N, C-alpha and C. Protein backbone atom coordinates (compact mmCIF):
# COMPACT_ATOMS: atom_id res chain seq x y z
N MET A 1 25.96 18.96 -25.52
CA MET A 1 26.17 18.56 -24.15
C MET A 1 27.56 17.93 -24.08
N SER A 2 28.31 18.27 -23.05
CA SER A 2 29.66 17.74 -22.90
C SER A 2 29.62 16.27 -22.51
N ALA A 3 30.72 15.59 -22.70
CA ALA A 3 30.81 14.16 -22.40
C ALA A 3 30.72 13.90 -20.90
N ASN A 4 31.03 14.91 -20.06
CA ASN A 4 31.01 14.72 -18.61
C ASN A 4 29.62 14.90 -18.00
N LYS A 5 28.73 15.48 -18.73
CA LYS A 5 27.40 15.71 -18.21
C LYS A 5 26.44 14.67 -18.78
N THR A 6 25.58 14.20 -17.93
CA THR A 6 24.56 13.28 -18.40
C THR A 6 23.23 14.00 -18.43
N GLU A 7 22.45 13.66 -19.40
CA GLU A 7 21.14 14.28 -19.54
C GLU A 7 20.17 13.61 -18.57
N GLN A 8 19.48 14.42 -17.78
CA GLN A 8 18.52 13.89 -16.84
C GLN A 8 17.15 13.86 -17.49
N VAL A 9 16.52 12.74 -17.38
CA VAL A 9 15.17 12.58 -17.89
C VAL A 9 14.23 12.53 -16.70
N GLN A 10 13.27 13.39 -16.70
CA GLN A 10 12.31 13.41 -15.60
C GLN A 10 11.13 12.53 -15.95
N CYS A 11 10.82 11.61 -15.07
CA CYS A 11 9.68 10.72 -15.28
C CYS A 11 8.39 11.46 -14.96
N PRO A 12 7.35 11.17 -15.69
CA PRO A 12 6.07 11.79 -15.37
C PRO A 12 5.57 11.28 -14.02
N PRO A 13 4.73 12.05 -13.35
CA PRO A 13 4.26 11.65 -12.02
C PRO A 13 3.31 10.46 -12.08
N VAL A 14 3.35 9.66 -11.03
CA VAL A 14 2.42 8.54 -10.88
C VAL A 14 1.13 9.12 -10.32
N THR A 15 0.03 8.95 -11.07
CA THR A 15 -1.25 9.50 -10.64
C THR A 15 -2.25 8.43 -10.23
N ALA A 16 -1.96 7.17 -10.58
CA ALA A 16 -2.85 6.06 -10.19
C ALA A 16 -1.99 4.83 -9.94
N LEU A 17 -2.46 4.00 -9.05
CA LEU A 17 -1.78 2.77 -8.69
C LEU A 17 -2.78 1.63 -8.83
N VAL A 18 -2.43 0.64 -9.64
CA VAL A 18 -3.26 -0.55 -9.81
C VAL A 18 -2.52 -1.70 -9.13
N ILE A 19 -3.16 -2.28 -8.12
CA ILE A 19 -2.53 -3.37 -7.38
C ILE A 19 -3.20 -4.67 -7.76
N SER A 20 -2.39 -5.60 -8.28
CA SER A 20 -2.89 -6.94 -8.58
C SER A 20 -2.17 -8.01 -7.77
N LEU A 21 -1.16 -7.61 -7.01
CA LEU A 21 -0.42 -8.55 -6.17
C LEU A 21 -1.38 -9.16 -5.16
N PRO A 22 -1.41 -10.48 -5.02
CA PRO A 22 -2.34 -11.11 -4.08
C PRO A 22 -2.24 -10.51 -2.68
N ALA A 23 -3.39 -10.36 -2.04
CA ALA A 23 -3.47 -9.72 -0.73
C ALA A 23 -2.64 -10.43 0.33
N ASP A 24 -2.36 -11.71 0.15
CA ASP A 24 -1.60 -12.46 1.16
C ASP A 24 -0.09 -12.46 0.92
N GLU A 25 0.38 -11.72 -0.05
CA GLU A 25 1.82 -11.62 -0.36
C GLU A 25 2.42 -10.46 0.44
N MET A 26 2.55 -10.68 1.74
CA MET A 26 3.03 -9.63 2.66
C MET A 26 4.33 -8.99 2.19
N ALA A 27 5.31 -9.80 1.81
CA ALA A 27 6.62 -9.27 1.43
C ALA A 27 6.54 -8.35 0.22
N GLY A 28 5.62 -8.60 -0.66
CA GLY A 28 5.47 -7.74 -1.83
C GLY A 28 4.76 -6.44 -1.54
N HIS A 29 3.90 -6.44 -0.53
CA HIS A 29 3.15 -5.23 -0.19
C HIS A 29 3.94 -4.28 0.72
N GLU A 30 4.83 -4.81 1.53
CA GLU A 30 5.57 -3.97 2.47
C GLU A 30 6.31 -2.81 1.81
N PRO A 31 7.11 -3.06 0.75
CA PRO A 31 7.81 -1.91 0.15
C PRO A 31 6.86 -0.87 -0.43
N LEU A 32 5.76 -1.32 -1.01
CA LEU A 32 4.80 -0.38 -1.57
C LEU A 32 4.14 0.44 -0.47
N LEU A 33 3.71 -0.22 0.58
CA LEU A 33 3.11 0.51 1.71
C LEU A 33 4.09 1.49 2.33
N ASN A 34 5.34 1.09 2.45
CA ASN A 34 6.35 2.00 3.00
C ASN A 34 6.49 3.24 2.12
N MET A 35 6.48 3.05 0.80
CA MET A 35 6.56 4.20 -0.11
C MET A 35 5.34 5.10 0.05
N LEU A 36 4.16 4.50 0.11
CA LEU A 36 2.93 5.28 0.25
C LEU A 36 2.88 6.01 1.58
N GLU A 37 3.26 5.33 2.65
CA GLU A 37 3.24 5.94 3.97
C GLU A 37 4.26 7.07 4.11
N SER A 38 5.35 7.00 3.33
CA SER A 38 6.36 8.05 3.41
C SER A 38 6.05 9.23 2.48
N GLY A 39 4.93 9.15 1.77
CA GLY A 39 4.51 10.28 0.94
C GLY A 39 5.03 10.25 -0.48
N GLN A 40 5.62 9.13 -0.89
CA GLN A 40 6.05 9.05 -2.29
C GLN A 40 4.82 9.10 -3.18
N PHE A 41 5.02 9.44 -4.41
CA PHE A 41 3.96 9.62 -5.40
C PHE A 41 3.01 10.72 -4.94
N PRO A 42 3.50 11.94 -4.79
CA PRO A 42 2.68 13.04 -4.28
C PRO A 42 1.47 13.38 -5.14
N GLU A 43 1.49 13.01 -6.41
CA GLU A 43 0.36 13.33 -7.28
C GLU A 43 -0.61 12.17 -7.44
N LEU A 44 -0.40 11.12 -6.67
CA LEU A 44 -1.28 9.95 -6.69
C LEU A 44 -2.68 10.36 -6.27
N SER A 45 -3.68 9.88 -7.00
CA SER A 45 -5.06 10.21 -6.65
C SER A 45 -5.92 8.97 -6.41
N ALA A 46 -5.48 7.81 -6.92
CA ALA A 46 -6.33 6.62 -6.79
C ALA A 46 -5.50 5.35 -6.68
N ILE A 47 -6.02 4.43 -5.86
CA ILE A 47 -5.49 3.08 -5.76
C ILE A 47 -6.62 2.16 -6.17
N ILE A 48 -6.37 1.30 -7.16
CA ILE A 48 -7.39 0.39 -7.66
C ILE A 48 -6.93 -1.04 -7.40
N LEU A 49 -7.75 -1.78 -6.67
CA LEU A 49 -7.45 -3.17 -6.33
C LEU A 49 -8.14 -4.08 -7.34
N VAL A 50 -7.35 -4.94 -7.98
CA VAL A 50 -7.91 -5.86 -8.96
C VAL A 50 -7.51 -7.29 -8.60
N ALA A 51 -8.25 -8.24 -9.14
CA ALA A 51 -7.96 -9.66 -9.01
C ALA A 51 -7.77 -10.05 -7.54
N ARG A 52 -6.68 -10.74 -7.24
CA ARG A 52 -6.46 -11.27 -5.89
C ARG A 52 -6.03 -10.21 -4.87
N ALA A 53 -5.95 -8.96 -5.27
CA ALA A 53 -5.67 -7.87 -4.33
C ALA A 53 -6.96 -7.34 -3.71
N ALA A 54 -8.11 -7.74 -4.25
CA ALA A 54 -9.40 -7.22 -3.78
C ALA A 54 -9.62 -7.34 -2.28
N PRO A 55 -9.19 -8.41 -1.60
CA PRO A 55 -9.44 -8.48 -0.16
C PRO A 55 -8.81 -7.34 0.64
N LEU A 56 -7.91 -6.57 0.05
CA LEU A 56 -7.33 -5.42 0.74
C LEU A 56 -8.37 -4.31 0.95
N GLY A 57 -9.52 -4.44 0.32
CA GLY A 57 -10.58 -3.47 0.49
C GLY A 57 -11.65 -3.90 1.47
N GLN A 58 -11.45 -5.06 2.11
CA GLN A 58 -12.47 -5.55 3.04
C GLN A 58 -12.44 -4.79 4.35
N LYS A 59 -13.53 -4.89 5.08
CA LYS A 59 -13.67 -4.22 6.37
C LYS A 59 -12.90 -5.01 7.41
N VAL A 60 -11.80 -4.45 7.89
CA VAL A 60 -10.96 -5.10 8.91
C VAL A 60 -10.38 -4.02 9.81
N GLY A 61 -9.85 -4.45 10.94
CA GLY A 61 -9.27 -3.49 11.87
C GLY A 61 -7.75 -3.47 11.87
N THR A 62 -7.13 -4.52 11.35
CA THR A 62 -5.67 -4.61 11.37
C THR A 62 -5.16 -5.23 10.07
N GLY A 63 -3.84 -5.25 9.93
CA GLY A 63 -3.22 -5.91 8.79
C GLY A 63 -3.04 -4.99 7.59
N LEU A 64 -2.69 -5.62 6.46
CA LEU A 64 -2.41 -4.88 5.23
C LEU A 64 -3.62 -4.07 4.76
N ALA A 65 -4.81 -4.69 4.82
CA ALA A 65 -6.00 -3.98 4.37
C ALA A 65 -6.20 -2.69 5.16
N ALA A 66 -6.05 -2.78 6.47
CA ALA A 66 -6.21 -1.59 7.32
C ALA A 66 -5.16 -0.54 6.99
N ARG A 67 -3.94 -0.97 6.70
CA ARG A 67 -2.89 -0.01 6.36
C ARG A 67 -3.19 0.70 5.04
N TYR A 68 -3.62 -0.04 4.02
CA TYR A 68 -3.96 0.60 2.75
C TYR A 68 -5.11 1.57 2.94
N GLN A 69 -6.10 1.17 3.69
CA GLN A 69 -7.25 2.04 3.91
C GLN A 69 -6.85 3.30 4.69
N ALA A 70 -5.97 3.15 5.67
CA ALA A 70 -5.50 4.31 6.44
C ALA A 70 -4.69 5.26 5.56
N VAL A 71 -3.81 4.72 4.74
CA VAL A 71 -3.01 5.56 3.84
C VAL A 71 -3.93 6.32 2.89
N ALA A 72 -4.90 5.62 2.33
CA ALA A 72 -5.83 6.27 1.39
C ALA A 72 -6.58 7.40 2.09
N ALA A 73 -7.06 7.14 3.30
CA ALA A 73 -7.81 8.17 4.04
C ALA A 73 -6.91 9.35 4.39
N GLN A 74 -5.71 9.07 4.88
CA GLN A 74 -4.80 10.15 5.29
C GLN A 74 -4.37 11.02 4.12
N ARG A 75 -4.19 10.40 2.95
CA ARG A 75 -3.72 11.14 1.79
C ARG A 75 -4.84 11.63 0.89
N GLY A 76 -6.07 11.32 1.23
CA GLY A 76 -7.21 11.75 0.41
C GLY A 76 -7.27 11.03 -0.92
N LEU A 77 -6.88 9.77 -0.95
CA LEU A 77 -6.87 8.99 -2.17
C LEU A 77 -8.16 8.19 -2.31
N LYS A 78 -8.60 7.98 -3.53
CA LYS A 78 -9.69 7.06 -3.77
C LYS A 78 -9.11 5.65 -3.64
N LEU A 79 -9.82 4.77 -2.96
CA LEU A 79 -9.45 3.36 -2.86
C LEU A 79 -10.62 2.59 -3.44
N MET A 80 -10.36 1.90 -4.56
CA MET A 80 -11.43 1.24 -5.30
C MET A 80 -11.11 -0.23 -5.54
N ILE A 81 -12.18 -1.01 -5.67
CA ILE A 81 -12.06 -2.43 -6.01
C ILE A 81 -12.79 -2.64 -7.33
N CYS A 82 -12.15 -3.35 -8.24
CA CYS A 82 -12.80 -3.71 -9.50
C CYS A 82 -13.99 -4.61 -9.17
N GLY A 83 -15.13 -4.32 -9.77
CA GLY A 83 -16.38 -5.00 -9.45
C GLY A 83 -16.36 -6.51 -9.57
N GLN A 84 -15.71 -7.04 -10.59
CA GLN A 84 -15.68 -8.49 -10.76
C GLN A 84 -14.93 -9.15 -9.61
N ALA A 85 -13.82 -8.56 -9.19
CA ALA A 85 -13.08 -9.10 -8.05
C ALA A 85 -13.88 -8.92 -6.77
N ALA A 86 -14.59 -7.82 -6.65
CA ALA A 86 -15.44 -7.60 -5.47
C ALA A 86 -16.50 -8.69 -5.39
N ASP A 87 -17.09 -9.04 -6.51
CA ASP A 87 -18.08 -10.13 -6.53
C ASP A 87 -17.45 -11.43 -6.04
N HIS A 88 -16.29 -11.74 -6.57
CA HIS A 88 -15.62 -13.00 -6.23
C HIS A 88 -15.32 -13.11 -4.73
N TYR A 89 -14.95 -12.00 -4.11
CA TYR A 89 -14.57 -12.01 -2.69
C TYR A 89 -15.69 -11.55 -1.76
N GLY A 90 -16.90 -11.40 -2.27
CA GLY A 90 -18.02 -11.01 -1.42
C GLY A 90 -17.95 -9.58 -0.92
N LEU A 91 -17.40 -8.69 -1.74
CA LEU A 91 -17.21 -7.31 -1.32
C LEU A 91 -18.09 -6.32 -2.09
N ARG A 92 -19.13 -6.83 -2.72
CA ARG A 92 -20.01 -5.95 -3.48
C ARG A 92 -20.84 -5.07 -2.53
N ALA A 93 -21.28 -5.62 -1.40
CA ALA A 93 -22.10 -4.87 -0.45
C ALA A 93 -21.23 -3.87 0.32
N PRO A 94 -21.70 -2.64 0.47
CA PRO A 94 -20.91 -1.62 1.18
C PRO A 94 -20.50 -2.03 2.59
N GLU A 95 -21.33 -2.77 3.29
CA GLU A 95 -20.99 -3.16 4.66
C GLU A 95 -19.84 -4.18 4.73
N ALA A 96 -19.50 -4.80 3.62
CA ALA A 96 -18.38 -5.74 3.58
C ALA A 96 -17.05 -5.03 3.31
N ARG A 97 -17.14 -3.80 2.77
CA ARG A 97 -15.93 -3.05 2.40
C ARG A 97 -15.52 -2.10 3.51
N GLY A 98 -14.24 -1.77 3.52
CA GLY A 98 -13.74 -0.81 4.48
C GLY A 98 -14.31 0.57 4.23
N CYS A 99 -14.17 1.43 5.20
CA CYS A 99 -14.69 2.80 5.12
C CYS A 99 -14.08 3.53 3.93
N GLY A 100 -14.93 4.05 3.08
CA GLY A 100 -14.48 4.82 1.93
C GLY A 100 -14.07 4.01 0.72
N VAL A 101 -14.09 2.69 0.80
CA VAL A 101 -13.70 1.84 -0.33
C VAL A 101 -14.87 1.78 -1.31
N GLU A 102 -14.58 2.14 -2.56
CA GLU A 102 -15.61 2.22 -3.60
C GLU A 102 -15.44 1.08 -4.60
N LEU A 103 -16.49 0.84 -5.38
CA LEU A 103 -16.40 -0.10 -6.48
C LEU A 103 -16.09 0.65 -7.76
N THR A 104 -15.40 -0.01 -8.65
CA THR A 104 -15.15 0.53 -9.98
C THR A 104 -15.31 -0.62 -10.96
N GLY A 105 -15.36 -0.31 -12.20
CA GLY A 105 -15.55 -1.33 -13.22
C GLY A 105 -14.38 -1.40 -14.18
N PHE A 106 -14.44 -2.40 -15.03
CA PHE A 106 -13.37 -2.61 -16.00
C PHE A 106 -13.20 -1.41 -16.92
N MET A 107 -14.31 -0.83 -17.36
CA MET A 107 -14.21 0.30 -18.29
C MET A 107 -13.56 1.51 -17.63
N GLU A 108 -13.85 1.72 -16.36
CA GLU A 108 -13.21 2.83 -15.64
C GLU A 108 -11.72 2.56 -15.47
N LEU A 109 -11.37 1.30 -15.19
CA LEU A 109 -9.96 0.92 -15.09
C LEU A 109 -9.26 1.13 -16.42
N ALA A 110 -9.89 0.70 -17.50
CA ALA A 110 -9.31 0.89 -18.83
C ALA A 110 -9.13 2.38 -19.13
N ALA A 111 -10.07 3.20 -18.71
CA ALA A 111 -9.97 4.64 -18.94
C ALA A 111 -8.77 5.23 -18.21
N VAL A 112 -8.49 4.75 -17.01
CA VAL A 112 -7.31 5.22 -16.26
C VAL A 112 -6.04 4.79 -16.98
N LEU A 113 -5.98 3.53 -17.38
CA LEU A 113 -4.77 3.00 -18.03
C LEU A 113 -4.53 3.60 -19.40
N GLU A 114 -5.59 3.99 -20.09
CA GLU A 114 -5.47 4.49 -21.46
C GLU A 114 -5.80 5.97 -21.58
N SER A 115 -5.70 6.70 -20.48
CA SER A 115 -6.05 8.13 -20.55
C SER A 115 -5.12 8.87 -21.50
N GLU A 116 -5.59 9.98 -21.97
CA GLU A 116 -4.79 10.79 -22.89
C GLU A 116 -3.47 11.21 -22.25
N ALA A 117 -3.51 11.58 -20.97
CA ALA A 117 -2.29 12.01 -20.27
C ALA A 117 -1.28 10.88 -20.15
N VAL A 118 -1.76 9.66 -19.92
CA VAL A 118 -0.85 8.50 -19.85
C VAL A 118 -0.27 8.21 -21.23
N ARG A 119 -1.13 8.21 -22.23
CA ARG A 119 -0.64 7.94 -23.60
C ARG A 119 0.36 9.00 -24.05
N ALA A 120 0.17 10.24 -23.63
CA ALA A 120 1.06 11.33 -24.03
C ALA A 120 2.33 11.37 -23.17
N GLY A 121 2.39 10.54 -22.13
CA GLY A 121 3.59 10.52 -21.28
C GLY A 121 3.64 11.61 -20.23
N ARG A 122 2.50 12.26 -19.96
CA ARG A 122 2.47 13.30 -18.92
C ARG A 122 2.18 12.73 -17.54
N GLU A 123 1.60 11.53 -17.49
CA GLU A 123 1.28 10.84 -16.24
C GLU A 123 1.63 9.37 -16.40
N ARG A 124 1.79 8.71 -15.24
CA ARG A 124 2.04 7.28 -15.24
C ARG A 124 1.04 6.58 -14.32
N VAL A 125 0.76 5.34 -14.67
CA VAL A 125 -0.01 4.44 -13.81
C VAL A 125 0.95 3.34 -13.39
N LEU A 126 1.14 3.18 -12.12
CA LEU A 126 2.02 2.14 -11.60
C LEU A 126 1.19 0.89 -11.36
N VAL A 127 1.63 -0.23 -11.92
CA VAL A 127 0.95 -1.51 -11.71
C VAL A 127 1.88 -2.35 -10.82
N TRP A 128 1.34 -2.77 -9.69
CA TRP A 128 2.15 -3.48 -8.70
C TRP A 128 1.64 -4.90 -8.56
């Protein structure tokens, strides 16, 4: 390769998003929501809410939670809450969660983070 050309490295696609940023950190969620709403991460299939991000899966009509739920529905993404966080925030019952918001567990989260494709560098999980 000549000295004038730089080698381009292509990053593997983001296929899952794990959000741990507290639900009340508006400034931190805005750039992520803007990216999601603009169609970035075209191979994304799941958003997993953990820890203090769990309230983003609650049943509401407006705000950040409603935006995440709308993006997930529009893009056909799974929107899940880790069960322990759901317990802490009273979101274990389906009627407390937004439409289409599912529960997941730690082992399922670990499986996403440690999948063969992620370990091999063919996919990425973005943690926000």
